[in-house]
Amino acid sequence: MYADYFGLNEEPFQLQVDEKFFLNANNFSEARSLLYLGISEADCFLKITGEVGTGKTFLCHKLRSTLGSHFFSLYVNCPCSDEMELFFHLAKLLKIRTKRTDTKFKLMDIIFEKLKSIKQENKKIVLLIDEAQAMDEAALEALRLLNYRDSQLGALFHVVLFGQTELDWKLAHPLLRALSQRILFSLELRPMSFSVLKKYVNHRLSVAGYQGEPLLTPPALWALFYATKGVPRLINVVCHKALLMAYRDQKKKVALKHMVQAVRNTQSVAVSSVRPILGAQVFTHIALVASSILGVTLLGLMFKFI
């Protein structure tokens, strides 16, 4: 709707994963380095956690798309409730014909043989498990047992667990002690700082085709930071709405009022979080008016309290 008005080729703050918008900032760079280092080592488990909306799925897809031809990857985004569901899902991904009457041990055998044949082709196998915190403990343990089924062969594949911070609680379960000990690297994705958020917003606008002066005013950016706490998904949601508000008003810049309106229309962020920005703006205007009446000295004193 607003793309043409702002000189954009497409909407820059869409929620679906689009790798051209990927920004290797914040601790994404560290996460990618650890993942590449981990999968270049002996087969092991790796873990990436983060709060909702911090970019775990984006990082997962980015990792998968950049793996070389000597890798064979499987993306598992099914929160399997038990071992059987996990094995049937893996069999489907591997294009193995199964029967509903197949036992757990038969499924494990045929999946193991299929993966072993792939590894014998000099392929490194990587299982990418998204939303791992939703998997049953028994299903997670089944992954470990499948991976180390043949003690002479050693580990068969890498497992990268992507999950919310609740995954750490799950891995503390006594049943998963052996799996936890196999985790080589672990990292938590953090929300963005203000400087990274500013870079992130400008990057997405630039990739979408925007050229010109900064589209969001500094107060609007600060309000965005306070409201979203630097969470990428929330940044996308609020920025999209703020651009709509500016377009509605036929303004070429996103001002503070547009950002506040966007926040007020977003259930997952708190309106109270932008009050420090609003208060500072109102106080600034009062100071400017007062200075015209009482002089520059009063203006300087008032700004000490902003």
Protein backbone atom coordinates (compact mmCIF):
# COMPACT_ATOMS: atom_id res chain seq x y z
CA MET A 1 0.00 0.00 0.00
CA TYR A 2 2.72 2.49 1.02
CA ALA A 3 5.62 1.09 -1.02
CA ASP A 4 5.25 3.40 -4.04
CA TYR A 5 4.65 6.44 -1.84
CA PHE A 6 7.99 6.00 -0.04
CA GLY A 7 9.89 4.87 -3.15
CA LEU A 8 10.13 1.23 -2.10
CA ASN A 9 10.20 -1.83 -4.33
CA GLU A 10 8.46 -3.92 -1.66
CA GLU A 11 7.35 -3.75 1.95
CA PRO A 12 10.52 -3.86 4.09
CA PHE A 13 9.08 -5.18 7.33
CA GLN A 14 7.32 -8.37 6.33
CA LEU A 15 7.24 -11.15 8.91
CA GLN A 16 8.01 -14.09 6.62
CA VAL A 17 11.63 -15.19 6.37
CA ASP A 18 13.38 -13.49 3.45
CA GLU A 19 17.13 -13.98 3.58
CA LYS A 20 18.00 -10.88 1.58
CA PHE A 21 16.97 -8.84 4.63
CA PHE A 22 19.40 -10.72 6.90
CA LEU A 23 21.70 -8.40 8.86
CA ASN A 24 24.78 -9.96 10.41
CA ALA A 25 24.66 -7.75 13.49
CA ASN A 26 23.95 -7.97 17.21
CA ASN A 27 25.22 -11.41 18.33
CA PHE A 28 24.01 -13.06 15.10
CA SER A 29 27.60 -12.89 13.88
CA GLU A 30 28.85 -14.76 16.95
CA ALA A 31 26.04 -17.32 16.62
CA ARG A 32 26.84 -18.01 12.97
CA SER A 33 30.55 -18.37 13.73
CA LEU A 34 29.87 -20.87 16.52
CA LEU A 35 27.46 -22.86 14.34
CA TYR A 36 29.90 -23.09 11.42
CA LEU A 37 32.70 -24.01 13.80
CA GLY A 38 30.54 -26.63 15.48
CA ILE A 39 29.42 -28.38 12.30
CA SER A 40 32.98 -28.42 11.00
CA GLU A 41 34.03 -30.40 14.07
CA ALA A 42 33.10 -33.95 15.04
CA ASP A 43 29.38 -34.66 14.95
CA CYS A 44 27.77 -33.14 18.02
CA PHE A 45 24.84 -31.16 19.40
CA LEU A 46 24.64 -27.35 19.22
CA LYS A 47 22.07 -25.10 20.87
CA ILE A 48 20.71 -21.63 20.04
CA THR A 49 18.10 -20.15 22.36
CA GLY A 50 16.30 -16.81 22.57
CA GLU A 51 13.05 -15.16 23.52
CA VAL A 52 10.12 -15.16 21.10
CA GLY A 53 10.88 -13.07 18.01
CA THR A 54 14.65 -12.73 18.45
CA GLY A 55 15.45 -14.34 15.06
CA LYS A 56 16.06 -18.03 15.77
CA THR A 57 14.11 -19.31 12.75
CA PHE A 58 15.72 -16.65 10.52
CA LEU A 59 19.17 -17.80 11.66
CA CYS A 60 18.20 -21.44 11.14
CA HIS A 61 17.16 -20.82 7.51
CA LYS A 62 20.23 -18.67 6.88
CA LEU A 63 22.50 -21.44 8.16
CA ARG A 64 20.79 -24.06 6.01
CA SER A 65 20.95 -21.98 2.83
CA THR A 66 24.68 -21.35 3.21
CA LEU A 67 25.75 -24.94 3.85
CA GLY A 68 27.96 -26.25 1.07
CA SER A 69 27.26 -29.14 -1.29
CA HIS A 70 29.12 -31.53 1.04
CA PHE A 71 26.34 -31.09 3.63
CA PHE A 72 23.01 -32.90 3.79
CA SER A 73 20.51 -31.02 5.95
CA LEU A 74 17.10 -31.86 7.35
CA TYR A 75 14.84 -29.10 8.72
CA VAL A 76 12.51 -30.33 11.46
CA ASN A 77 9.84 -27.83 12.52
CA CYS A 78 7.40 -30.38 13.91
CA PRO A 79 7.12 -30.25 17.73
CA CYS A 80 7.14 -34.04 18.06
CA SER A 81 5.27 -35.25 21.12
CA ASP A 82 7.07 -38.62 21.35
CA GLU A 83 9.71 -40.81 19.69
CA MET A 84 7.29 -42.37 17.21
CA GLU A 85 6.15 -39.02 15.88
CA LEU A 86 9.78 -37.95 15.50
CA PHE A 87 10.76 -41.12 13.64
CA PHE A 88 7.78 -40.97 11.28
CA HIS A 89 8.58 -37.32 10.57
CA LEU A 90 12.26 -38.07 9.86
CA ALA A 91 11.28 -40.97 7.63
CA LYS A 92 9.01 -38.66 5.64
CA LEU A 93 11.80 -36.10 5.21
CA LEU A 94 14.14 -38.87 4.07
CA LYS A 95 11.49 -40.22 1.66
CA ILE A 96 11.40 -43.58 3.41
CA ARG A 97 8.23 -45.60 2.98
CA THR A 98 6.78 -46.64 6.32
CA LYS A 99 3.71 -48.32 7.76
CA ARG A 100 1.71 -47.17 10.75
CA THR A 101 2.33 -50.59 12.23
CA ASP A 102 6.12 -50.15 12.17
CA THR A 103 7.67 -50.39 15.61
CA LYS A 104 9.99 -47.84 17.15
CA PHE A 105 12.99 -50.14 16.70
CA LYS A 106 12.20 -50.85 13.05
CA LEU A 107 11.84 -47.14 12.30
CA MET A 108 15.10 -46.41 14.07
CA ASP A 109 16.86 -49.12 12.06
CA ILE A 110 15.69 -47.96 8.64
CA ILE A 111 16.37 -44.29 9.42
CA PHE A 112 19.82 -45.14 10.75
CA GLU A 113 20.68 -47.17 7.62
CA LYS A 114 19.48 -44.36 5.36
CA LEU A 115 21.52 -41.75 7.18
CA LYS A 116 24.57 -44.05 7.25
CA SER A 117 24.37 -44.48 3.46
CA ILE A 118 24.26 -40.67 3.07
CA LYS A 119 27.31 -40.28 5.29
CA GLN A 120 29.16 -42.92 3.28
CA GLU A 121 28.80 -40.55 0.31
CA ASN A 122 31.12 -38.18 2.21
CA LYS A 123 28.24 -35.95 3.24
CA LYS A 124 28.04 -34.20 6.60
CA ILE A 125 24.51 -34.62 7.94
CA VAL A 126 22.93 -31.72 9.86
CA LEU A 127 19.56 -31.92 11.58
CA LEU A 128 18.11 -28.46 12.25
CA ILE A 129 15.43 -28.69 14.95
CA ASP A 130 13.26 -25.57 15.18
CA GLU A 131 11.02 -24.88 18.21
CA ALA A 132 12.99 -27.56 20.08
CA GLN A 133 11.52 -26.44 23.42
CA ALA A 134 8.18 -27.92 22.28
CA MET A 135 9.63 -31.40 21.73
CA ASP A 136 8.98 -34.13 24.24
CA GLU A 137 11.95 -35.20 26.42
CA ALA A 138 11.68 -38.73 25.08
CA ALA A 139 11.83 -37.46 21.49
CA LEU A 140 14.97 -35.43 22.24
CA GLU A 141 16.60 -38.44 23.90
CA ALA A 142 15.63 -40.57 20.88
CA LEU A 143 17.69 -38.21 18.70
CA ARG A 144 20.75 -38.90 20.84
CA LEU A 145 20.18 -42.66 20.77
CA LEU A 146 19.75 -42.58 16.98
CA ASN A 147 22.91 -40.52 16.58
CA TYR A 148 25.06 -42.89 18.63
CA ARG A 149 23.36 -46.15 17.65
CA ASP A 150 26.61 -47.70 16.44
CA SER A 151 29.36 -47.12 19.00
CA GLN A 152 32.09 -48.16 16.53
CA LEU A 153 30.86 -45.75 13.88
CA GLY A 154 30.58 -42.87 16.36
CA ALA A 155 28.17 -39.96 15.97
CA LEU A 156 26.23 -40.06 12.71
CA PHE A 157 25.09 -36.45 12.36
CA HIS A 158 25.08 -32.95 13.83
CA VAL A 159 22.01 -31.68 15.65
CA VAL A 160 21.34 -27.94 15.98
CA LEU A 161 18.60 -27.15 18.49
CA PHE A 162 16.82 -23.82 18.06
CA GLY A 163 14.40 -22.99 20.84
CA GLN A 164 12.98 -20.52 23.30
CA THR A 165 14.69 -20.15 26.65
CA GLU A 166 12.41 -22.86 28.06
CA LEU A 167 14.62 -25.31 26.17
CA ASP A 168 17.28 -24.86 28.88
CA TRP A 169 14.77 -25.96 31.51
CA LYS A 170 13.85 -29.00 29.43
CA LEU A 171 17.48 -30.02 28.96
CA ALA A 172 17.89 -29.95 32.74
CA HIS A 173 15.55 -32.97 32.93
CA PRO A 174 17.35 -36.04 34.36
CA LEU A 175 16.40 -38.05 31.24
CA LEU A 176 18.44 -35.65 29.08
CA ARG A 177 21.68 -35.62 31.11
CA ALA A 178 23.60 -37.52 28.42
CA LEU A 179 22.30 -35.24 25.66
CA SER A 180 23.22 -32.09 27.60
CA GLN A 181 26.78 -33.37 27.97
CA ARG A 182 27.00 -33.72 24.17
CA ILE A 183 26.23 -30.02 23.52
CA LEU A 184 29.45 -28.51 22.17
CA PHE A 185 28.37 -24.86 21.84
CA SER A 186 25.42 -22.96 23.28
CA LEU A 187 24.42 -19.34 22.71
CA GLU A 188 21.42 -17.13 23.51
CA LEU A 189 20.28 -14.56 20.94
CA ARG A 190 19.90 -11.15 22.57
CA PRO A 191 17.51 -8.32 21.68
CA MET A 192 19.05 -5.45 19.73
CA SER A 193 20.69 -2.41 21.26
CA PHE A 194 19.53 1.01 20.03
CA SER A 195 22.48 1.38 17.64
CA VAL A 196 21.86 -2.06 16.12
CA LEU A 197 18.11 -1.37 15.87
CA LYS A 198 18.83 1.83 13.94
CA LYS A 199 21.16 -0.06 11.59
CA TYR A 200 18.58 -2.87 11.23
CA VAL A 201 15.72 -0.51 10.27
CA ASN A 202 17.86 1.40 7.75
CA HIS A 203 19.19 -1.87 6.31
CA ARG A 204 15.72 -3.28 5.67
CA LEU A 205 14.56 -0.01 4.10
CA SER A 206 17.67 0.07 1.88
CA VAL A 207 17.21 -3.55 0.75
CA ALA A 208 13.58 -2.72 -0.08
CA GLY A 209 14.82 0.08 -2.38
CA TYR A 210 14.60 3.19 -0.22
CA GLN A 211 16.97 6.03 -1.09
CA GLY A 212 17.11 9.35 0.68
CA GLU A 213 17.27 10.90 4.12
CA PRO A 214 16.50 8.71 7.16
CA LEU A 215 12.82 7.81 6.98
CA LEU A 216 12.29 7.55 10.74
CA THR A 217 12.95 10.61 12.89
CA PRO A 218 15.22 10.16 15.96
CA PRO A 219 12.31 10.41 18.45
CA ALA A 220 10.41 7.79 16.43
CA LEU A 221 13.42 5.47 16.56
CA TRP A 222 13.79 5.89 20.31
CA ALA A 223 10.08 5.21 20.81
CA LEU A 224 10.44 2.09 18.66
CA PHE A 225 13.36 0.92 20.79
CA TYR A 226 11.57 1.49 24.11
CA ALA A 227 8.35 -0.16 22.90
CA THR A 228 9.86 -3.26 21.28
CA LYS A 229 12.81 -3.75 23.66
CA GLY A 230 14.90 -4.48 20.55
CA VAL A 231 13.04 -7.66 19.56
CA PRO A 232 13.28 -8.02 15.73
CA ARG A 233 9.80 -9.42 15.14
CA LEU A 234 8.18 -6.63 17.16
CA ILE A 235 10.33 -4.07 15.37
CA ASN A 236 8.98 -5.34 12.04
CA VAL A 237 5.35 -5.29 13.24
CA VAL A 238 5.52 -1.76 14.69
CA CYS A 239 7.57 -0.28 11.81
CA HIS A 240 5.07 -1.60 9.26
CA LYS A 241 2.20 0.05 11.13
CA ALA A 242 4.14 3.31 11.61
CA LEU A 243 4.76 3.53 7.85
CA LEU A 244 1.05 3.00 7.31
CA MET A 245 0.27 5.86 9.72
CA ALA A 246 2.70 8.20 7.96
CA TYR A 247 1.26 7.22 4.58
CA ARG A 248 -2.26 7.89 5.88
CA ASP A 249 -1.17 11.40 6.90
CA GLN A 250 0.68 11.85 3.58
CA LYS A 251 3.95 12.53 5.41
CA LYS A 252 7.32 11.60 3.95
CA LYS A 253 8.86 10.87 7.36
CA VAL A 254 7.74 8.67 10.23
CA ALA A 255 7.39 11.02 13.19
CA LEU A 256 7.01 10.28 16.88
CA LYS A 257 3.21 10.52 16.71
CA HIS A 258 3.09 7.85 13.97
CA MET A 259 5.24 5.51 16.05
CA VAL A 260 3.08 6.04 19.15
CA GLN A 261 -0.06 5.32 17.12
CA ALA A 262 1.57 2.13 15.81
CA VAL A 263 2.50 1.05 19.34
CA ARG A 264 -1.02 1.71 20.61
CA ASN A 265 -2.35 -0.57 17.89
CA THR A 266 0.05 -3.42 18.71
CA GLN A 267 -1.15 -5.69 21.48
CA SER A 268 2.23 -7.31 22.15
CA VAL A 269 4.02 -4.06 23.11
CA ALA A 270 3.33 -1.74 26.02
CA VAL A 271 2.15 1.81 25.40
CA SER A 272 3.66 2.77 28.77
CA SER A 273 7.12 1.98 27.37
CA VAL A 274 7.06 5.07 25.12
CA ARG A 275 6.04 7.49 27.88
CA PRO A 276 9.67 8.45 28.67
CA ILE A 277 10.03 9.60 25.06
CA LEU A 278 6.70 11.43 25.07
CA GLY A 279 7.55 13.12 28.35
CA ALA A 280 10.90 14.30 27.04
CA GLN A 281 9.30 15.69 23.88
CA VAL A 282 6.61 17.59 25.79
CA PHE A 283 9.17 18.96 28.24
CA THR A 284 11.38 20.09 25.36
CA HIS A 285 8.53 22.10 23.83
CA ILE A 286 7.78 23.70 27.22
CA ALA A 287 11.45 24.62 27.57
CA LEU A 288 11.53 26.25 24.14
CA VAL A 289 8.46 28.35 24.90
CA ALA A 290 9.84 29.32 28.30
CA SER A 291 13.15 30.35 26.79
CA SER A 292 11.44 32.85 24.52
CA ILE A 293 9.96 34.51 27.60
CA LEU A 294 12.55 34.08 30.32
CA GLY A 295 15.75 33.74 28.31
CA VAL A 296 18.42 31.24 27.41
CA THR A 297 19.50 30.55 31.01
CA LEU A 298 16.19 28.97 31.92
CA LEU A 299 16.33 26.82 28.79
CA GLY A 300 19.70 25.43 29.83
CA LEU A 301 18.50 24.66 33.33
CA MET A 302 15.40 22.84 32.10
CA PHE A 303 17.35 20.66 29.68
CA LYS A 304 19.39 19.33 32.59
CA PHE A 305 16.27 17.46 33.72
CA ILE A 306 15.29 15.96 30.34
